[in-house]
Amino acid sequence: MAPGLLYHNGRFQSAHHVRAATPLSRGDAMIIEDIEVKKFADQPFCRDMSSDQVAALAAVLEKRRYPEGSVIFAEGKTDPFLFLLRDGSVELTVESEYGRNEKGEKGYPFYTFGAGDIFGYLTFLDGRPHSANAIARTETVVYVLKRADFERFMHDHPPTAFKIMQFIVLQVDDMARRMIHKFAQLSDYLFQGTGYGH
C-alpha cells in the first residue's frame, strides 16, 4: 500500500495534493487511504506488482460506481477504457431481436464478469468500437484506466505496463477458453436434440 496516496475527486492523488486542495483531516485521509488504496492493491490485477508499482498505477486511475441496470458501455461506441471490476457483476450482451436475458430484456447475454476481472480490453487495445454492451447486473464499482493515461504511464513505467499487458493477455485467454467450453456444450445440446451424429 502506498502511504502517500489518497483517493479524492474520483482519482487517486498524492496526499500532499489532496490536503492542499481540501480541508481534509488526517483521520479522514487515513480512512480513505485504508479503504481505497488497500482494496486496489488487493485486486488480482496487482498481484505481481510491488507497492511502488501499485502506487504509480493507482495514481492514473478513476473510480466509478454504477447502479444496477446501468450501461457501462454500449455496443458500437468507442471509449478506449480498461475497466477493473472491484465489486459487483457485469454482463456482456449483444443486440438481438430474439435473445432475452433472465429479466426479459432484449439482447443476448453471453458472458458475465465478477469482482477482480477486467473488461473493455479489446477497444482499449485497438480503438475499435465495442462489440457488445456491458451492463451492471448489480451495484458495481470499477477502476478505470484511460488509454491516453496508459500511453503516458507506459512511457514512464515500462515494467509495470508490461505486467498490465500480461494480465490482459491472460484474461483474454481465460475468456476464450470459457467461450469454447460453452460452445462445445451448446453443440452437444443441439446434436442430442436433433439426433445428428447418432
C-alpha atoms as a PDB file:
ATOM      1  CA  MET A   1       0.000   0.000   0.000  1.00  0.00           C
ATOM      2  CA  ALA A   2       1.285   3.462  -0.842  1.00  0.00           C
ATOM      3  CA  PRO A   3       1.206   5.679   2.292  1.00  0.00           C
ATOM      4  CA  GLY A   4       1.321   8.937   0.332  1.00  0.00           C
ATOM      5  CA  LEU A   5      -1.616   8.140  -1.973  1.00  0.00           C
ATOM      6  CA  LEU A   6      -5.211   9.200  -1.257  1.00  0.00           C
ATOM      7  CA  TYR A   7      -8.498   8.887  -3.112  1.00  0.00           C
ATOM      8  CA  HIS A   8     -10.024  12.280  -3.953  1.00  0.00           C
ATOM      9  CA  ASN A   9     -12.398  13.700  -6.603  1.00  0.00           C
ATOM     10  CA  GLY A  10     -12.659  10.400  -8.441  1.00  0.00           C
ATOM     11  CA  ARG A  11      -8.923   9.766  -8.689  1.00  0.00           C
ATOM     12  CA  PHE A  12      -6.003   8.532  -6.604  1.00  0.00           C
ATOM     13  CA  GLN A  13      -3.750  11.508  -5.910  1.00  0.00           C
ATOM     14  CA  SER A  14      -0.771  12.324  -3.734  1.00  0.00           C
ATOM     15  CA  ALA A  15      -1.614  13.097  -0.113  1.00  0.00           C
ATOM     16  CA  HIS A  16       0.145  16.460  -0.426  1.00  0.00           C
ATOM     17  CA  HIS A  17      -2.056  17.494  -3.364  1.00  0.00           C
ATOM     18  CA  VAL A  18      -5.276  16.427  -1.645  1.00  0.00           C
ATOM     19  CA  ARG A  19      -4.523  18.189   1.611  1.00  0.00           C
ATOM     20  CA  ALA A  20      -3.531  21.359  -0.226  1.00  0.00           C
ATOM     21  CA  ALA A  21      -6.826  21.344  -2.139  1.00  0.00           C
ATOM     22  CA  THR A  22      -9.293  20.469   0.651  1.00  0.00           C
ATOM     23  CA  PRO A  23      -9.653  20.896   4.418  1.00  0.00           C
ATOM     24  CA  LEU A  24      -9.358  17.132   4.911  1.00  0.00           C
ATOM     25  CA  SER A  25      -8.382  15.968   8.387  1.00  0.00           C
ATOM     26  CA  ARG A  26      -5.612  13.436   8.852  1.00  0.00           C
ATOM     27  CA  GLY A  27      -8.116  10.991  10.355  1.00  0.00           C
ATOM     28  CA  ASP A  28     -10.399  11.168   7.303  1.00  0.00           C
ATOM     29  CA  ALA A  29      -7.424  10.851   4.979  1.00  0.00           C
ATOM     30  CA  MET A  30      -6.285   7.642   6.651  1.00  0.00           C
ATOM     31  CA  ILE A  31      -9.783   6.144   6.323  1.00  0.00           C
ATOM     32  CA  ILE A  32      -9.845   6.932   2.601  1.00  0.00           C
ATOM     33  CA  GLU A  33      -6.351   5.515   2.169  1.00  0.00           C
ATOM     34  CA  ASP A  34      -7.024   2.317   4.092  1.00  0.00           C
ATOM     35  CA  ILE A  35     -10.286   1.578   2.266  1.00  0.00           C
ATOM     36  CA  GLU A  36      -9.460   2.577  -1.295  1.00  0.00           C
ATOM     37  CA  VAL A  37      -5.759   2.023  -1.830  1.00  0.00           C
ATOM     38  CA  LYS A  38      -5.736  -1.290   0.023  1.00  0.00           C
ATOM     39  CA  LYS A  39      -8.782  -2.501  -1.929  1.00  0.00           C
ATOM     40  CA  PHE A  40      -7.000  -1.657  -5.158  1.00  0.00           C
ATOM     41  CA  ALA A  41      -3.727  -3.266  -4.044  1.00  0.00           C
ATOM     42  CA  ASP A  42      -5.606  -6.470  -3.157  1.00  0.00           C
ATOM     43  CA  GLN A  43      -7.003  -6.900  -6.681  1.00  0.00           C
ATOM     44  CA  PRO A  44      -5.691  -9.833  -8.793  1.00  0.00           C
ATOM     45  CA  PHE A  45      -4.631  -7.154 -11.284  1.00  0.00           C
ATOM     46  CA  CYS A  46      -1.932  -6.046  -8.793  1.00  0.00           C
ATOM     47  CA  ARG A  47      -0.884  -9.476  -7.565  1.00  0.00           C
ATOM     48  CA  ASP A  48       2.616  -9.420  -9.071  1.00  0.00           C
ATOM     49  CA  MET A  49       3.275  -5.712  -8.524  1.00  0.00           C
ATOM     50  CA  SER A  50       5.428  -4.075  -5.873  1.00  0.00           C
ATOM     51  CA  SER A  51       3.928  -1.414  -3.606  1.00  0.00           C
ATOM     52  CA  ASP A  52       5.678   1.278  -5.672  1.00  0.00           C
ATOM     53  CA  GLN A  53       4.222  -0.114  -8.899  1.00  0.00           C
ATOM     54  CA  VAL A  54       0.744  -0.242  -7.361  1.00  0.00           C
ATOM     55  CA  ALA A  55       1.093   3.373  -6.225  1.00  0.00           C
ATOM     56  CA  ALA A  56       2.196   4.538  -9.674  1.00  0.00           C
ATOM     57  CA  LEU A  57      -0.703   2.771 -11.384  1.00  0.00           C
ATOM     58  CA  ALA A  58      -3.312   3.856  -8.844  1.00  0.00           C
ATOM     59  CA  ALA A  59      -2.354   7.481  -9.458  1.00  0.00           C
ATOM     60  CA  VAL A  60      -3.738   7.342 -13.029  1.00  0.00           C
ATOM     61  CA  LEU A  61      -6.991   5.508 -12.230  1.00  0.00           C
ATOM     62  CA  GLU A  62     -10.521   6.768 -11.713  1.00  0.00           C
ATOM     63  CA  LYS A  63     -13.152   5.050  -9.576  1.00  0.00           C
ATOM     64  CA  ARG A  64     -16.728   4.858 -10.886  1.00  0.00           C
ATOM     65  CA  ARG A  65     -19.891   3.488  -9.336  1.00  0.00           C
ATOM     66  CA  TYR A  66     -22.791   2.167 -11.456  1.00  0.00           C
ATOM     67  CA  PRO A  67     -26.289   1.379 -10.134  1.00  0.00           C
ATOM     68  CA  GLU A  68     -27.868  -1.947 -11.090  1.00  0.00           C
ATOM     69  CA  GLY A  69     -29.029  -1.905 -14.718  1.00  0.00           C
ATOM     70  CA  SER A  70     -26.632   0.844 -15.831  1.00  0.00           C
ATOM     71  CA  VAL A  71     -24.982   0.668 -19.253  1.00  0.00           C
ATOM     72  CA  ILE A  72     -21.241   0.894 -18.655  1.00  0.00           C
ATOM     73  CA  PHE A  73     -20.525   0.960 -22.374  1.00  0.00           C
ATOM     74  CA  ALA A  74     -22.667   0.336 -25.452  1.00  0.00           C
ATOM     75  CA  GLU A  75     -22.149  -1.852 -28.496  1.00  0.00           C
ATOM     76  CA  GLY A  76     -20.796   0.206 -31.392  1.00  0.00           C
ATOM     77  CA  LYS A  77     -19.430   3.003 -29.209  1.00  0.00           C
ATOM     78  CA  THR A  78     -15.742   3.799 -28.909  1.00  0.00           C
ATOM     79  CA  ASP A  79     -14.359   4.699 -25.492  1.00  0.00           C
ATOM     80  CA  PRO A  80     -10.901   3.161 -25.077  1.00  0.00           C
ATOM     81  CA  PHE A  81     -11.012   2.489 -21.344  1.00  0.00           C
ATOM     82  CA  LEU A  82      -9.879  -0.563 -19.405  1.00  0.00           C
ATOM     83  CA  PHE A  83     -12.288  -1.447 -16.590  1.00  0.00           C
ATOM     84  CA  LEU A  84     -11.156  -3.281 -13.451  1.00  0.00           C
ATOM     85  CA  LEU A  85     -14.179  -4.670 -11.627  1.00  0.00           C
ATOM     86  CA  ARG A  86     -13.765  -4.087  -7.893  1.00  0.00           C
ATOM     87  CA  ASP A  87     -17.273  -5.013  -6.724  1.00  0.00           C
ATOM     88  CA  GLY A  88     -20.384  -6.266  -8.490  1.00  0.00           C
ATOM     89  CA  SER A  89     -21.309  -8.183 -11.629  1.00  0.00           C
ATOM     90  CA  VAL A  90     -21.161  -7.053 -15.265  1.00  0.00           C
ATOM     91  CA  GLU A  91     -22.882  -8.856 -18.135  1.00  0.00           C
ATOM     92  CA  LEU A  92     -21.914  -8.605 -21.802  1.00  0.00           C
ATOM     93  CA  THR A  93     -24.843  -8.647 -24.236  1.00  0.00           C
ATOM     94  CA  VAL A  94     -25.221  -8.256 -27.996  1.00  0.00           C
ATOM     95  CA  GLU A  95     -28.196  -6.747 -29.785  1.00  0.00           C
ATOM     96  CA  SER A  96     -30.736  -9.374 -30.837  1.00  0.00           C
ATOM     97  CA  GLU A  97     -34.436  -9.382 -31.674  1.00  0.00           C
ATOM     98  CA  TYR A  98     -34.760 -12.880 -30.275  1.00  0.00           C
ATOM     99  CA  GLY A  99     -32.348 -13.042 -27.373  1.00  0.00           C
ATOM    100  CA  ARG A 100     -33.575 -12.096 -23.901  1.00  0.00           C
ATOM    101  CA  ASN A 101     -31.860 -12.089 -20.530  1.00  0.00           C
ATOM    102  CA  GLU A 102     -33.405 -13.567 -17.390  1.00  0.00           C
ATOM    103  CA  LYS A 103     -35.266 -10.293 -16.780  1.00  0.00           C
ATOM    104  CA  GLY A 104     -36.839 -10.418 -20.243  1.00  0.00           C
ATOM    105  CA  GLU A 105     -34.776  -7.513 -21.570  1.00  0.00           C
ATOM    106  CA  LYS A 106     -33.849  -7.543 -25.254  1.00  0.00           C
ATOM    107  CA  GLY A 107     -30.272  -8.533 -26.013  1.00  0.00           C
ATOM    108  CA  TYR A 108     -28.443 -11.830 -25.966  1.00  0.00           C
ATOM    109  CA  PRO A 109     -26.282 -12.262 -22.825  1.00  0.00           C
ATOM    110  CA  PHE A 110     -23.124 -14.278 -23.445  1.00  0.00           C
ATOM    111  CA  TYR A 111     -20.602 -13.550 -20.694  1.00  0.00           C
ATOM    112  CA  THR A 112     -20.523 -12.350 -17.085  1.00  0.00           C
ATOM    113  CA  PHE A 113     -17.605 -10.746 -15.255  1.00  0.00           C
ATOM    114  CA  GLY A 114     -17.139 -10.825 -11.481  1.00  0.00           C
ATOM    115  CA  ALA A 115     -15.023  -8.990  -8.930  1.00  0.00           C
ATOM    116  CA  GLY A 116     -11.340  -8.979  -9.873  1.00  0.00           C
ATOM    117  CA  ASP A 117     -11.980  -9.335 -13.626  1.00  0.00           C
ATOM    118  CA  ILE A 118     -11.111  -6.744 -16.250  1.00  0.00           C
ATOM    119  CA  PHE A 119     -13.203  -5.896 -19.317  1.00  0.00           C
ATOM    120  CA  GLY A 120     -13.279  -3.458 -22.221  1.00  0.00           C
ATOM    121  CA  TYR A 121      -9.743  -4.521 -23.135  1.00  0.00           C
ATOM    122  CA  LEU A 122     -10.253  -5.039 -26.876  1.00  0.00           C
ATOM    123  CA  THR A 123     -11.395  -1.463 -27.504  1.00  0.00           C
ATOM    124  CA  PHE A 124      -8.754  -0.300 -25.022  1.00  0.00           C
ATOM    125  CA  LEU A 125      -6.061  -2.007 -27.109  1.00  0.00           C
ATOM    126  CA  ASP A 126      -7.172  -1.461 -30.707  1.00  0.00           C
ATOM    127  CA  GLY A 127      -9.514   1.551 -30.512  1.00  0.00           C
ATOM    128  CA  ARG A 128     -12.279  -0.157 -32.482  1.00  0.00           C
ATOM    129  CA  PRO A 129     -15.940   0.085 -31.386  1.00  0.00           C
ATOM    130  CA  HIS A 130     -17.214  -2.210 -28.653  1.00  0.00           C
ATOM    131  CA  SER A 131     -18.682  -5.451 -29.998  1.00  0.00           C
ATOM    132  CA  ALA A 132     -21.072  -5.809 -27.045  1.00  0.00           C
ATOM    133  CA  ASN A 133     -22.911  -3.905 -24.335  1.00  0.00           C
ATOM    134  CA  ALA A 134     -21.614  -4.017 -20.756  1.00  0.00           C
ATOM    135  CA  ILE A 135     -24.471  -3.914 -18.234  1.00  0.00           C
ATOM    136  CA  ALA A 136     -24.134  -3.647 -14.452  1.00  0.00           C
ATOM    137  CA  ARG A 137     -26.252  -6.523 -13.109  1.00  0.00           C
ATOM    138  CA  THR A 138     -25.729  -5.427  -9.505  1.00  0.00           C
ATOM    139  CA  GLU A 139     -24.478  -2.204  -7.984  1.00  0.00           C
ATOM    140  CA  THR A 140     -20.985  -2.111  -9.423  1.00  0.00           C
ATOM    141  CA  VAL A 141     -17.719  -0.344  -8.617  1.00  0.00           C
ATOM    142  CA  VAL A 142     -14.925  -0.214 -11.184  1.00  0.00           C
ATOM    143  CA  TYR A 143     -11.491   1.324 -11.514  1.00  0.00           C
ATOM    144  CA  VAL A 144     -10.991   2.889 -14.948  1.00  0.00           C
ATOM    145  CA  LEU A 145      -7.731   3.238 -16.870  1.00  0.00           C
ATOM    146  CA  LYS A 146      -7.963   5.510 -19.914  1.00  0.00           C
ATOM    147  CA  ARG A 147      -5.901   4.646 -22.977  1.00  0.00           C
ATOM    148  CA  ALA A 148      -4.345   8.129 -23.117  1.00  0.00           C
ATOM    149  CA  ASP A 149      -3.263   7.853 -19.470  1.00  0.00           C
ATOM    150  CA  PHE A 150      -1.893   4.352 -20.079  1.00  0.00           C
ATOM    151  CA  GLU A 151       0.224   5.538 -23.017  1.00  0.00           C
ATOM    152  CA  ARG A 152       1.905   8.114 -20.777  1.00  0.00           C
ATOM    153  CA  PHE A 153       2.185   5.554 -17.992  1.00  0.00           C
ATOM    154  CA  MET A 154       3.783   3.055 -20.390  1.00  0.00           C
ATOM    155  CA  HIS A 155       6.487   5.596 -21.230  1.00  0.00           C
ATOM    156  CA  ASP A 156       7.212   6.394 -17.566  1.00  0.00           C
ATOM    157  CA  HIS A 157       6.767   2.902 -16.062  1.00  0.00           C
ATOM    158  CA  PRO A 158       7.515   0.254 -18.727  1.00  0.00           C
ATOM    159  CA  PRO A 159       7.937  -2.732 -16.326  1.00  0.00           C
ATOM    160  CA  THR A 160       4.537  -2.105 -14.724  1.00  0.00           C
ATOM    161  CA  ALA A 161       2.920  -1.511 -18.118  1.00  0.00           C
ATOM    162  CA  PHE A 162       4.303  -4.877 -19.250  1.00  0.00           C
ATOM    163  CA  LYS A 163       2.653  -6.576 -16.257  1.00  0.00           C
ATOM    164  CA  ILE A 164      -0.657  -4.925 -17.164  1.00  0.00           C
ATOM    165  CA  MET A 165      -0.404  -6.258 -20.712  1.00  0.00           C
ATOM    166  CA  GLN A 166       0.416  -9.731 -19.365  1.00  0.00           C
ATOM    167  CA  PHE A 167      -2.708  -9.654 -17.203  1.00  0.00           C
ATOM    168  CA  ILE A 168      -4.837  -8.570 -20.181  1.00  0.00           C
ATOM    169  CA  VAL A 169      -3.493 -11.457 -22.291  1.00  0.00           C
ATOM    170  CA  LEU A 170      -4.275 -13.942 -19.506  1.00  0.00           C
ATOM    171  CA  GLN A 171      -7.803 -12.551 -19.161  1.00  0.00           C
ATOM    172  CA  VAL A 172      -8.419 -12.788 -22.921  1.00  0.00           C
ATOM    173  CA  ASP A 173      -7.132 -16.368 -22.909  1.00  0.00           C
ATOM    174  CA  ASP A 174      -9.373 -17.286 -19.959  1.00  0.00           C
ATOM    175  CA  MET A 175     -12.425 -15.764 -21.644  1.00  0.00           C
ATOM    176  CA  ALA A 176     -11.672 -17.573 -24.921  1.00  0.00           C
ATOM    177  CA  ARG A 177     -11.369 -20.916 -23.118  1.00  0.00           C
ATOM    178  CA  ARG A 178     -14.686 -20.389 -21.336  1.00  0.00           C
ATOM    179  CA  MET A 179     -16.415 -19.405 -24.585  1.00  0.00           C
ATOM    180  CA  ILE A 180     -15.055 -22.521 -26.339  1.00  0.00           C
ATOM    181  CA  HIS A 181     -16.365 -24.661 -23.474  1.00  0.00           C
ATOM    182  CA  LYS A 182     -19.805 -23.033 -23.719  1.00  0.00           C
ATOM    183  CA  PHE A 183     -19.836 -23.533 -27.489  1.00  0.00           C
ATOM    184  CA  ALA A 184     -18.991 -27.213 -27.031  1.00  0.00           C
ATOM    185  CA  GLN A 185     -21.829 -27.593 -24.518  1.00  0.00           C
ATOM    186  CA  LEU A 186     -24.253 -25.890 -26.914  1.00  0.00           C
ATOM    187  CA  SER A 187     -23.128 -28.122 -29.789  1.00  0.00           C
ATOM    188  CA  ASP A 188     -23.692 -31.235 -27.663  1.00  0.00           C
ATOM    189  CA  TYR A 189     -27.158 -29.994 -26.724  1.00  0.00           C
ATOM    190  CA  LEU A 190     -28.116 -29.305 -30.346  1.00  0.00           C
ATOM    191  CA  PHE A 191     -26.769 -32.628 -31.575  1.00  0.00           C
ATOM    192  CA  GLN A 192     -28.648 -34.518 -28.860  1.00  0.00           C
ATOM    193  CA  GLY A 193     -31.851 -32.686 -29.724  1.00  0.00           C
ATOM    194  CA  THR A 194     -31.653 -33.452 -33.435  1.00  0.00           C
ATOM    195  CA  GLY A 195     -30.125 -36.905 -33.174  1.00  0.00           C
ATOM    196  CA  TYR A 196     -27.357 -35.756 -35.527  1.00  0.00           C
ATOM    197  CA  GLY A 197     -24.266 -37.921 -35.304  1.00  0.00           C
ATOM    198  CA  HIS A 198     -26.085 -40.918 -33.794  1.00  0.00           C
END
